Amino acid sequence: MVKVESHLAGFGSYEPNQAMVARLRSAMESGLRVTGADASFYMHELSESTLMGRGFAYEVAHPAALAKYGVSPYSVYHPEVIAKYSQEFGTPWRDFWGMGG
């Protein structure tokens, strides 16, 4: 978790990321299995961090991390986070999760 948080800190404060980290921390502290968007977010950020640590630019690391796990770019934020920060997420995110307009 520390590696993911350190990686995200490099991008500055972004409330949807902070909300996803809070979800992960809560699940881990409760001993819950991390699945769905939470797992997608965690694995994506961890992989992206590793790639950037190896010298890849964000523009290369970001899509490569998505491709590594075969996930949609719209899958890495939980619907609760998308709803809470709706101004940050367009129609594709809501459509992906079946959230409507």
PDB file of N, CA and C in Angstrom:
ATOM      1  N   MET A   1       0.824  -1.191   0.000  1.00  0.00           N
ATOM      2  CA  MET A   1       0.000   0.000   0.000  1.00  0.00           C
ATOM      3  C   MET A   1       0.870   1.257   0.000  1.00  0.00           C
ATOM      4  N   VAL A   2       1.986   1.193   0.674  1.00  0.00           N
ATOM      5  CA  VAL A   2       2.882   2.349   0.752  1.00  0.00           C
ATOM      6  C   VAL A   2       3.378   2.739  -0.630  1.00  0.00           C
ATOM      7  N   LYS A   3       3.715   1.752  -1.447  1.00  0.00           N
ATOM      8  CA  LYS A   3       4.210   2.037  -2.796  1.00  0.00           C
ATOM      9  C   LYS A   3       3.145   2.745  -3.626  1.00  0.00           C
ATOM     10  N   VAL A   4       1.917   2.308  -3.518  1.00  0.00           N
ATOM     11  CA  VAL A   4       0.825   2.935  -4.264  1.00  0.00           C
ATOM     12  C   VAL A   4       0.614   4.370  -3.782  1.00  0.00           C
ATOM     13  N   GLU A   5       0.590   4.569  -2.478  1.00  0.00           N
ATOM     14  CA  GLU A   5       0.389   5.913  -1.935  1.00  0.00           C
ATOM     15  C   GLU A   5       1.529   6.846  -2.323  1.00  0.00           C
ATOM     16  N   SER A   6       2.741   6.347  -2.284  1.00  0.00           N
ATOM     17  CA  SER A   6       3.898   7.156  -2.683  1.00  0.00           C
ATOM     18  C   SER A   6       3.807   7.526  -4.161  1.00  0.00           C
ATOM     19  N   HIS A   7       3.425   6.565  -4.973  1.00  0.00           N
ATOM     20  CA  HIS A   7       3.265   6.805  -6.415  1.00  0.00           C
ATOM     21  C   HIS A   7       2.214   7.888  -6.656  1.00  0.00           C
ATOM     22  N   LEU A   8       1.068   7.754  -6.024  1.00  0.00           N
ATOM     23  CA  LEU A   8      -0.013   8.713  -6.222  1.00  0.00           C
ATOM     24  C   LEU A   8       0.356  10.102  -5.725  1.00  0.00           C
ATOM     25  N   ALA A   9       1.155  10.177  -4.676  1.00  0.00           N
ATOM     26  CA  ALA A   9       1.579  11.478  -4.140  1.00  0.00           C
ATOM     27  C   ALA A   9       2.350  12.275  -5.181  1.00  0.00           C
ATOM     28  N   GLY A  10       3.028  11.575  -6.083  1.00  0.00           N
ATOM     29  CA  GLY A  10       3.775  12.242  -7.147  1.00  0.00           C
ATOM     30  C   GLY A  10       2.900  13.011  -8.120  1.00  0.00           C
ATOM     31  N   PHE A  11       1.601  12.731  -8.111  1.00  0.00           N
ATOM     32  CA  PHE A  11       0.675  13.413  -9.006  1.00  0.00           C
ATOM     33  C   PHE A  11      -0.070  14.546  -8.319  1.00  0.00           C
ATOM     34  N   GLY A  12       0.224  14.767  -7.041  1.00  0.00           N
ATOM     35  CA  GLY A  12      -0.467  15.800  -6.287  1.00  0.00           C
ATOM     36  C   GLY A  12      -1.767  15.275  -5.701  1.00  0.00           C
ATOM     37  N   SER A  13      -2.455  16.130  -4.997  1.00  0.00           N
ATOM     38  CA  SER A  13      -3.686  15.752  -4.322  1.00  0.00           C
ATOM     39  C   SER A  13      -4.822  15.627  -5.340  1.00  0.00           C
ATOM     40  N   TYR A  14      -5.488  14.486  -5.345  1.00  0.00           N
ATOM     41  CA  TYR A  14      -6.642  14.245  -6.220  1.00  0.00           C
ATOM     42  C   TYR A  14      -7.640  13.451  -5.393  1.00  0.00           C
ATOM     43  N   GLU A  15      -8.750  14.066  -5.073  1.00  0.00           N
ATOM     44  CA  GLU A  15      -9.705  13.477  -4.136  1.00  0.00           C
ATOM     45  C   GLU A  15     -10.207  12.090  -4.534  1.00  0.00           C
ATOM     46  N   PRO A  16     -10.486  11.823  -5.821  1.00  0.00           N
ATOM     47  CA  PRO A  16     -10.899  10.459  -6.162  1.00  0.00           C
ATOM     48  C   PRO A  16      -9.827   9.412  -5.823  1.00  0.00           C
ATOM     49  N   ASN A  17      -8.556   9.740  -6.019  1.00  0.00           N
ATOM     50  CA  ASN A  17      -7.491   8.807  -5.633  1.00  0.00           C
ATOM     51  C   ASN A  17      -7.472   8.619  -4.125  1.00  0.00           C
ATOM     52  N   GLN A  18      -7.622   9.711  -3.397  1.00  0.00           N
ATOM     53  CA  GLN A  18      -7.632   9.625  -1.933  1.00  0.00           C
ATOM     54  C   GLN A  18      -8.810   8.766  -1.452  1.00  0.00           C
ATOM     55  N   ALA A  19      -9.945   8.891  -2.127  1.00  0.00           N
ATOM     56  CA  ALA A  19     -11.116   8.092  -1.759  1.00  0.00           C
ATOM     57  C   ALA A  19     -10.866   6.611  -2.043  1.00  0.00           C
ATOM     58  N   MET A  20     -10.211   6.310  -3.149  1.00  0.00           N
ATOM     59  CA  MET A  20      -9.912   4.915  -3.468  1.00  0.00           C
ATOM     60  C   MET A  20      -8.919   4.340  -2.459  1.00  0.00           C
ATOM     61  N   VAL A  21      -7.923   5.111  -2.083  1.00  0.00           N
ATOM     62  CA  VAL A  21      -6.951   4.653  -1.080  1.00  0.00           C
ATOM     63  C   VAL A  21      -7.668   4.404   0.252  1.00  0.00           C
ATOM     64  N   ALA A  22      -8.580   5.282   0.616  1.00  0.00           N
ATOM     65  CA  ALA A  22      -9.338   5.106   1.862  1.00  0.00           C
ATOM     66  C   ALA A  22     -10.159   3.815   1.816  1.00  0.00           C
ATOM     67  N   ARG A  23     -10.744   3.521   0.668  1.00  0.00           N
ATOM     68  CA  ARG A  23     -11.500   2.274   0.512  1.00  0.00           C
ATOM     69  C   ARG A  23     -10.579   1.070   0.705  1.00  0.00           C
ATOM     70  N   LEU A  24      -9.395   1.132   0.090  1.00  0.00           N
ATOM     71  CA  LEU A  24      -8.437   0.034   0.207  1.00  0.00           C
ATOM     72  C   LEU A  24      -7.982  -0.144   1.654  1.00  0.00           C
ATOM     73  N   ARG A  25      -7.631   0.944   2.301  1.00  0.00           N
ATOM     74  CA  ARG A  25      -7.187   0.875   3.698  1.00  0.00           C
ATOM     75  C   ARG A  25      -8.275   0.258   4.575  1.00  0.00           C
ATOM     76  N   SER A  26      -9.496   0.700   4.389  1.00  0.00           N
ATOM     77  CA  SER A  26     -10.612   0.197   5.180  1.00  0.00           C
ATOM     78  C   SER A  26     -10.794  -1.308   4.980  1.00  0.00           C
ATOM     79  N   ALA A  27     -10.745  -1.742   3.745  1.00  0.00           N
ATOM     80  CA  ALA A  27     -10.890  -3.174   3.445  1.00  0.00           C
ATOM     81  C   ALA A  27      -9.759  -3.972   4.070  1.00  0.00           C
ATOM     82  N   MET A  28      -8.542  -3.493   3.903  1.00  0.00           N
ATOM     83  CA  MET A  28      -7.383  -4.216   4.424  1.00  0.00           C
ATOM     84  C   MET A  28      -7.398  -4.273   5.953  1.00  0.00           C
ATOM     85  N   GLU A  29      -7.757  -3.158   6.583  1.00  0.00           N
ATOM     86  CA  GLU A  29      -7.807  -3.117   8.048  1.00  0.00           C
ATOM     87  C   GLU A  29      -8.914  -4.019   8.598  1.00  0.00           C
ATOM     88  N   SER A  30      -9.964  -4.212   7.808  1.00  0.00           N
ATOM     89  CA  SER A  30     -11.078  -5.062   8.223  1.00  0.00           C
ATOM     90  C   SER A  30     -10.868  -6.517   7.833  1.00  0.00           C
ATOM     91  N   GLY A  31      -9.768  -6.787   7.140  1.00  0.00           N
ATOM     92  CA  GLY A  31      -9.491  -8.147   6.709  1.00  0.00           C
ATOM     93  C   GLY A  31     -10.364  -8.609   5.558  1.00  0.00           C
ATOM     94  N   LEU A  32     -10.944  -7.650   4.845  1.00  0.00           N
ATOM     95  CA  LEU A  32     -11.810  -7.983   3.724  1.00  0.00           C
ATOM     96  C   LEU A  32     -10.990  -8.206   2.456  1.00  0.00           C
ATOM     97  N   ARG A  33     -11.489  -9.062   1.625  1.00  0.00           N
ATOM     98  CA  ARG A  33     -10.853  -9.316   0.332  1.00  0.00           C
ATOM     99  C   ARG A  33     -11.090  -8.117  -0.584  1.00  0.00           C
ATOM    100  N   VAL A  34     -10.067  -7.655  -1.246  1.00  0.00           N
ATOM    101  CA  VAL A  34     -10.179  -6.522  -2.156  1.00  0.00           C
ATOM    102  C   VAL A  34     -10.509  -7.070  -3.538  1.00  0.00           C
ATOM    103  N   THR A  35     -11.642  -6.623  -4.086  1.00  0.00           N
ATOM    104  CA  THR A  35     -12.113  -7.120  -5.377  1.00  0.00           C
ATOM    105  C   THR A  35     -12.613  -5.967  -6.237  1.00  0.00           C
ATOM    106  N   GLY A  36     -13.019  -6.290  -7.446  1.00  0.00           N
ATOM    107  CA  GLY A  36     -13.651  -5.316  -8.335  1.00  0.00           C
ATOM    108  C   GLY A  36     -12.806  -4.096  -8.599  1.00  0.00           C
ATOM    109  N   ALA A  37     -13.456  -2.950  -8.561  1.00  0.00           N
ATOM    110  CA  ALA A  37     -12.776  -1.692  -8.860  1.00  0.00           C
ATOM    111  C   ALA A  37     -11.629  -1.427  -7.897  1.00  0.00           C
ATOM    112  N   ASP A  38     -11.791  -1.832  -6.647  1.00  0.00           N
ATOM    113  CA  ASP A  38     -10.737  -1.602  -5.657  1.00  0.00           C
ATOM    114  C   ASP A  38      -9.477  -2.380  -6.037  1.00  0.00           C
ATOM    115  N   ALA A  39      -9.645  -3.636  -6.419  1.00  0.00           N
ATOM    116  CA  ALA A  39      -8.504  -4.451  -6.844  1.00  0.00           C
ATOM    117  C   ALA A  39      -7.927  -3.915  -8.138  1.00  0.00           C
ATOM    118  N   SER A  40      -8.794  -3.507  -9.047  1.00  0.00           N
ATOM    119  CA  SER A  40      -8.343  -2.960 -10.323  1.00  0.00           C
ATOM    120  C   SER A  40      -7.490  -1.706 -10.103  1.00  0.00           C
ATOM    121  N   PHE A  41      -7.970  -0.823  -9.230  1.00  0.00           N
ATOM    122  CA  PHE A  41      -7.236   0.404  -8.910  1.00  0.00           C
ATOM    123  C   PHE A  41      -5.875   0.071  -8.310  1.00  0.00           C
ATOM    124  N   TYR A  42      -5.884  -0.796  -7.307  1.00  0.00           N
ATOM    125  CA  TYR A  42      -4.642  -1.139  -6.612  1.00  0.00           C
ATOM    126  C   TYR A  42      -3.613  -1.760  -7.562  1.00  0.00           C
ATOM    127  N   MET A  43      -4.031  -2.753  -8.318  1.00  0.00           N
ATOM    128  CA  MET A  43      -3.099  -3.436  -9.214  1.00  0.00           C
ATOM    129  C   MET A  43      -2.620  -2.506 -10.324  1.00  0.00           C
ATOM    130  N   HIS A  44      -3.510  -1.673 -10.821  1.00  0.00           N
ATOM    131  CA  HIS A  44      -3.129  -0.707 -11.857  1.00  0.00           C
ATOM    132  C   HIS A  44      -2.075   0.264 -11.330  1.00  0.00           C
ATOM    133  N   GLU A  45      -2.331   0.852 -10.177  1.00  0.00           N
ATOM    134  CA  GLU A  45      -1.393   1.841  -9.631  1.00  0.00           C
ATOM    135  C   GLU A  45      -0.062   1.200  -9.257  1.00  0.00           C
ATOM    136  N   LEU A  46      -0.097  -0.002  -8.743  1.00  0.00           N
ATOM    137  CA  LEU A  46       1.132  -0.711  -8.395  1.00  0.00           C
ATOM    138  C   LEU A  46       1.959  -0.990  -9.649  1.00  0.00           C
ATOM    139  N   SER A  47       1.322  -1.472 -10.688  1.00  0.00           N
ATOM    140  CA  SER A  47       2.024  -1.761 -11.944  1.00  0.00           C
ATOM    141  C   SER A  47       2.544  -0.475 -12.582  1.00  0.00           C
ATOM    142  N   GLU A  48       1.718   0.557 -12.596  1.00  0.00           N
ATOM    143  CA  GLU A  48       2.127   1.842 -13.157  1.00  0.00           C
ATOM    144  C   GLU A  48       3.339   2.389 -12.416  1.00  0.00           C
ATOM    145  N   SER A  49       3.327   2.279 -11.099  1.00  0.00           N
ATOM    146  CA  SER A  49       4.448   2.723 -10.276  1.00  0.00           C
ATOM    147  C   SER A  49       5.732   1.977 -10.623  1.00  0.00           C
ATOM    148  N   THR A  50       5.608   0.671 -10.779  1.00  0.00           N
ATOM    149  CA  THR A  50       6.776  -0.152 -11.120  1.00  0.00           C
ATOM    150  C   THR A  50       7.336   0.266 -12.471  1.00  0.00           C
ATOM    151  N   LEU A  51       6.474   0.444 -13.451  1.00  0.00           N
ATOM    152  CA  LEU A  51       6.923   0.840 -14.790  1.00  0.00           C
ATOM    153  C   LEU A  51       7.581   2.220 -14.773  1.00  0.00           C
ATOM    154  N   MET A  52       6.974   3.153 -14.070  1.00  0.00           N
ATOM    155  CA  MET A  52       7.556   4.495 -13.996  1.00  0.00           C
ATOM    156  C   MET A  52       8.880   4.464 -13.241  1.00  0.00           C
ATOM    157  N   GLY A  53       8.979   3.594 -12.254  1.00  0.00           N
ATOM    158  CA  GLY A  53      10.234   3.429 -11.526  1.00  0.00           C
ATOM    159  C   GLY A  53      11.346   2.888 -12.410  1.00  0.00           C
ATOM    160  N   ARG A  54      10.963   2.201 -13.472  1.00  0.00           N
ATOM    161  CA  ARG A  54      11.928   1.668 -14.442  1.00  0.00           C
ATOM    162  C   ARG A  54      12.230   2.656 -15.561  1.00  0.00           C
ATOM    163  N   GLY A  55      11.679   3.873 -15.428  1.00  0.00           N
ATOM    164  CA  GLY A  55      12.000   4.926 -16.375  1.00  0.00           C
ATOM    165  C   GLY A  55      10.965   5.202 -17.442  1.00  0.00           C
ATOM    166  N   PHE A  56       9.864   4.473 -17.435  1.00  0.00           N
ATOM    167  CA  PHE A  56       8.825   4.728 -18.425  1.00  0.00           C
ATOM    168  C   PHE A  56       8.050   5.987 -18.053  1.00  0.00           C
ATOM    169  N   ALA A  57       7.714   6.777 -19.049  1.00  0.00           N
ATOM    170  CA  ALA A  57       6.903   7.969 -18.827  1.00  0.00           C
ATOM    171  C   ALA A  57       5.483   7.552 -18.489  1.00  0.00           C
ATOM    172  N   TYR A  58       4.758   8.413 -17.789  1.00  0.00           N
ATOM    173  CA  TYR A  58       3.369   8.130 -17.433  1.00  0.00           C
ATOM    174  C   TYR A  58       2.550   7.756 -18.665  1.00  0.00           C
ATOM    175  N   GLU A  59       2.767   8.466 -19.766  1.00  0.00           N
ATOM    176  CA  GLU A  59       1.990   8.250 -20.991  1.00  0.00           C
ATOM    177  C   GLU A  59       2.177   6.841 -21.549  1.00  0.00           C
ATOM    178  N   VAL A  60       3.269   6.192 -21.190  1.00  0.00           N
ATOM    179  CA  VAL A  60       3.528   4.805 -21.588  1.00  0.00           C
ATOM    180  C   VAL A  60       3.087   3.851 -20.477  1.00  0.00           C
ATOM    181  N   ALA A  61       3.417   4.204 -19.242  1.00  0.00           N
ATOM    182  CA  ALA A  61       3.135   3.324 -18.101  1.00  0.00           C
ATOM    183  C   ALA A  61       1.643   3.146 -17.853  1.00  0.00           C
ATOM    184  N   HIS A  62       0.886   4.202 -17.998  1.00  0.00           N
ATOM    185  CA  HIS A  62      -0.548   4.132 -17.704  1.00  0.00           C
ATOM    186  C   HIS A  62      -1.265   3.101 -18.595  1.00  0.00           C
ATOM    187  N   PRO A  63      -1.183   3.232 -19.917  1.00  0.00           N
ATOM    188  CA  PRO A  63      -1.865   2.222 -20.741  1.00  0.00           C
ATOM    189  C   PRO A  63      -1.253   0.829 -20.622  1.00  0.00           C
ATOM    190  N   ALA A  64       0.040   0.758 -20.380  1.00  0.00           N
ATOM    191  CA  ALA A  64       0.687  -0.555 -20.220  1.00  0.00           C
ATOM    192  C   ALA A  64       0.173  -1.261 -18.972  1.00  0.00           C
ATOM    193  N   ALA A  65      -0.055  -0.506 -17.898  1.00  0.00           N
ATOM    194  CA  ALA A  65      -0.571  -1.092 -16.663  1.00  0.00           C
ATOM    195  C   ALA A  65      -2.008  -1.578 -16.857  1.00  0.00           C
ATOM    196  N   LEU A  66      -2.800  -0.846 -17.609  1.00  0.00           N
ATOM    197  CA  LEU A  66      -4.158  -1.293 -17.910  1.00  0.00           C
ATOM    198  C   LEU A  66      -4.122  -2.570 -18.746  1.00  0.00           C
ATOM    199  N   ALA A  67      -3.252  -2.584 -19.758  1.00  0.00           N
ATOM    200  CA  ALA A  67      -3.149  -3.740 -20.652  1.00  0.00           C
ATOM    201  C   ALA A  67      -2.648  -4.983 -19.923  1.00  0.00           C
ATOM    202  N   LYS A  68      -1.755  -4.793 -18.960  1.00  0.00           N
ATOM    203  CA  LYS A  68      -1.193  -5.931 -18.224  1.00  0.00           C
ATOM    204  C   LYS A  68      -2.289  -6.782 -17.597  1.00  0.00           C
ATOM    205  N   TYR A  69      -3.321  -6.133 -17.077  1.00  0.00           N
ATOM    206  CA  TYR A  69      -4.396  -6.856 -16.414  1.00  0.00           C
ATOM    207  C   TYR A  69      -5.653  -6.953 -17.275  1.00  0.00           C
ATOM    208  N   GLY A  70      -5.583  -6.399 -18.484  1.00  0.00           N
ATOM    209  CA  GLY A  70      -6.710  -6.489 -19.398  1.00  0.00           C
ATOM    210  C   GLY A  70      -7.967  -5.808 -18.879  1.00  0.00           C
ATOM    211  N   VAL A  71      -7.789  -4.660 -18.232  1.00  0.00           N
ATOM    212  CA  VAL A  71      -8.939  -3.954 -17.663  1.00  0.00           C
ATOM    213  C   VAL A  71      -9.228  -2.666 -18.424  1.00  0.00           C
ATOM    214  N   SER A  72     -10.461  -2.263 -18.353  1.00  0.00           N
ATOM    215  CA  SER A  72     -10.890  -1.012 -18.959  1.00  0.00           C
ATOM    216  C   SER A  72     -10.354   0.159 -18.142  1.00  0.00           C
ATOM    217  N   PRO A  73     -10.028   1.257 -18.795  1.00  0.00           N
ATOM    218  CA  PRO A  73      -9.615   2.439 -18.029  1.00  0.00           C
ATOM    219  C   PRO A  73     -10.747   2.965 -17.138  1.00  0.00           C
ATOM    220  N   TYR A  74     -11.974   2.553 -17.432  1.00  0.00           N
ATOM    221  CA  TYR A  74     -13.120   3.004 -16.638  1.00  0.00           C
ATOM    222  C   TYR A  74     -13.369   2.115 -15.421  1.00  0.00           C
ATOM    223  N   SER A  75     -12.587   1.056 -15.286  1.00  0.00           N
ATOM    224  CA  SER A  75     -12.810   0.087 -14.208  1.00  0.00           C
ATOM    225  C   SER A  75     -12.033   0.385 -12.933  1.00  0.00           C
ATOM    226  N   VAL A  76     -11.152   1.369 -12.957  1.00  0.00           N
ATOM    227  CA  VAL A  76     -10.246   1.547 -11.819  1.00  0.00           C
ATOM    228  C   VAL A  76     -10.771   2.484 -10.716  1.00  0.00           C
ATOM    229  N   TYR A  77     -11.974   2.992 -10.887  1.00  0.00           N
ATOM    230  CA  TYR A  77     -12.599   3.778  -9.819  1.00  0.00           C
ATOM    231  C   TYR A  77     -13.937   3.133  -9.481  1.00  0.00           C
ATOM    232  N   HIS A  78     -14.195   2.957  -8.209  1.00  0.00           N
ATOM    233  CA  HIS A  78     -15.427   2.340  -7.735  1.00  0.00           C
ATOM    234  C   HIS A  78     -16.618   3.267  -8.033  1.00  0.00           C
ATOM    235  N   PRO A  79     -17.772   2.682  -8.347  1.00  0.00           N
ATOM    236  CA  PRO A  79     -18.956   3.513  -8.613  1.00  0.00           C
ATOM    237  C   PRO A  79     -19.288   4.505  -7.502  1.00  0.00           C
ATOM    238  N   GLU A  80     -19.050   4.157  -6.249  1.00  0.00           N
ATOM    239  CA  GLU A  80     -19.305   5.103  -5.148  1.00  0.00           C
ATOM    240  C   GLU A  80     -18.410   6.339  -5.266  1.00  0.00           C
ATOM    241  N   VAL A  81     -17.168   6.124  -5.682  1.00  0.00           N
ATOM    242  CA  VAL A  81     -16.231   7.240  -5.848  1.00  0.00           C
ATOM    243  C   VAL A  81     -16.639   8.058  -7.071  1.00  0.00           C
ATOM    244  N   ILE A  82     -17.046   7.397  -8.130  1.00  0.00           N
ATOM    245  CA  ILE A  82     -17.502   8.095  -9.341  1.00  0.00           C
ATOM    246  C   ILE A  82     -18.717   8.960  -9.011  1.00  0.00           C
ATOM    247  N   ALA A  83     -19.652   8.412  -8.263  1.00  0.00           N
ATOM    248  CA  ALA A  83     -20.849   9.170  -7.886  1.00  0.00           C
ATOM    249  C   ALA A  83     -20.492  10.353  -6.989  1.00  0.00           C
ATOM    250  N   LYS A  84     -19.618  10.143  -6.028  1.00  0.00           N
ATOM    251  CA  LYS A  84     -19.254  11.211  -5.089  1.00  0.00           C
ATOM    252  C   LYS A  84     -18.514  12.349  -5.782  1.00  0.00           C
ATOM    253  N   TYR A  85     -17.676  12.006  -6.757  1.00  0.00           N
ATOM    254  CA  TYR A  85     -16.882  13.011  -7.472  1.00  0.00           C
ATOM    255  C   TYR A  85     -17.313  13.057  -8.933  1.00  0.00           C
ATOM    256  N   SER A  86     -18.608  13.146  -9.152  1.00  0.00           N
ATOM    257  CA  SER A  86     -19.162  13.059 -10.505  1.00  0.00           C
ATOM    258  C   SER A  86     -18.601  14.109 -11.461  1.00  0.00           C
ATOM    259  N   GLN A  87     -18.183  15.248 -10.932  1.00  0.00           N
ATOM    260  CA  GLN A  87     -17.614  16.291 -11.784  1.00  0.00           C
ATOM    261  C   GLN A  87     -16.281  15.851 -12.402  1.00  0.00           C
ATOM    262  N   GLU A  88     -15.650  14.840 -11.828  1.00  0.00           N
ATOM    263  CA  GLU A  88     -14.362  14.349 -12.323  1.00  0.00           C
ATOM    264  C   GLU A  88     -14.507  13.226 -13.352  1.00  0.00           C
ATOM    265  N   PHE A  89     -15.725  12.679 -13.473  1.00  0.00           N
ATOM    266  CA  PHE A  89     -15.930  11.504 -14.311  1.00  0.00           C
ATOM    267  C   PHE A  89     -17.046  11.744 -15.308  1.00  0.00           C
ATOM    268  N   GLY A  90     -16.742  11.492 -16.564  1.00  0.00           N
ATOM    269  CA  GLY A  90     -17.726  11.690 -17.621  1.00  0.00           C
ATOM    270  C   GLY A  90     -18.608  10.476 -17.833  1.00  0.00           C
ATOM    271  N   THR A  91     -19.393  10.567 -18.863  1.00  0.00           N
ATOM    272  CA  THR A  91     -20.349   9.529 -19.236  1.00  0.00           C
ATOM    273  C   THR A  91     -19.725   8.143 -19.380  1.00  0.00           C
ATOM    274  N   PRO A  92     -18.524   8.006 -19.969  1.00  0.00           N
ATOM    275  CA  PRO A  92     -17.971   6.648 -20.128  1.00  0.00           C
ATOM    276  C   PRO A  92     -17.844   5.870 -18.821  1.00  0.00           C
ATOM    277  N   TRP A  93     -17.493   6.545 -17.729  1.00  0.00           N
ATOM    278  CA  TRP A  93     -17.384   5.870 -16.432  1.00  0.00           C
ATOM    279  C   TRP A  93     -18.757   5.411 -15.940  1.00  0.00           C
ATOM    280  N   ARG A  94     -19.737   6.322 -16.048  1.00  0.00           N
ATOM    281  CA  ARG A  94     -21.086   5.979 -15.606  1.00  0.00           C
ATOM    282  C   ARG A  94     -21.673   4.861 -16.471  1.00  0.00           C
ATOM    283  N   ASP A  95     -21.424   4.918 -17.778  1.00  0.00           N
ATOM    284  CA  ASP A  95     -21.910   3.868 -18.678  1.00  0.00           C
ATOM    285  C   ASP A  95     -21.255   2.526 -18.360  1.00  0.00           C
ATOM    286  N   PHE A  96     -19.961   2.538 -18.111  1.00  0.00           N
ATOM    287  CA  PHE A  96     -19.244   1.300 -17.819  1.00  0.00           C
ATOM    288  C   PHE A  96     -19.876   0.586 -16.626  1.00  0.00           C
ATOM    289  N   TRP A  97     -20.225   1.352 -15.606  1.00  0.00           N
ATOM    290  CA  TRP A  97     -20.766   0.774 -14.372  1.00  0.00           C
ATOM    291  C   TRP A  97     -22.296   0.712 -14.383  1.00  0.00           C
ATOM    292  N   GLY A  98     -22.919   1.103 -15.496  1.00  0.00           N
ATOM    293  CA  GLY A  98     -24.380   1.049 -15.573  1.00  0.00           C
ATOM    294  C   GLY A  98     -25.060   2.013 -14.625  1.00  0.00           C
ATOM    295  N   MET A  99     -24.451   3.184 -14.472  1.00  0.00           N
ATOM    296  CA  MET A  99     -24.951   4.161 -13.508  1.00  0.00           C
ATOM    297  C   MET A  99     -25.954   5.133 -14.109  1.00  0.00           C
ATOM    298  N   GLY A 100     -26.163   5.095 -15.414  1.00  0.00           N
ATOM    299  CA  GLY A 100     -27.071   6.028 -16.052  1.00  0.00           C
ATOM    300  C   GLY A 100     -26.458   7.409 -16.193  1.00  0.00           C
ATOM    301  N   GLY A 101     -27.223   8.346 -16.701  1.00  0.00           N
ATOM    302  CA  GLY A 101     -26.747   9.678 -17.031  1.00  0.00           C
ATOM    303  C   GLY A 101     -26.443  10.504 -15.852  1.00  0.00           C
TER     304      GLY A 101
END
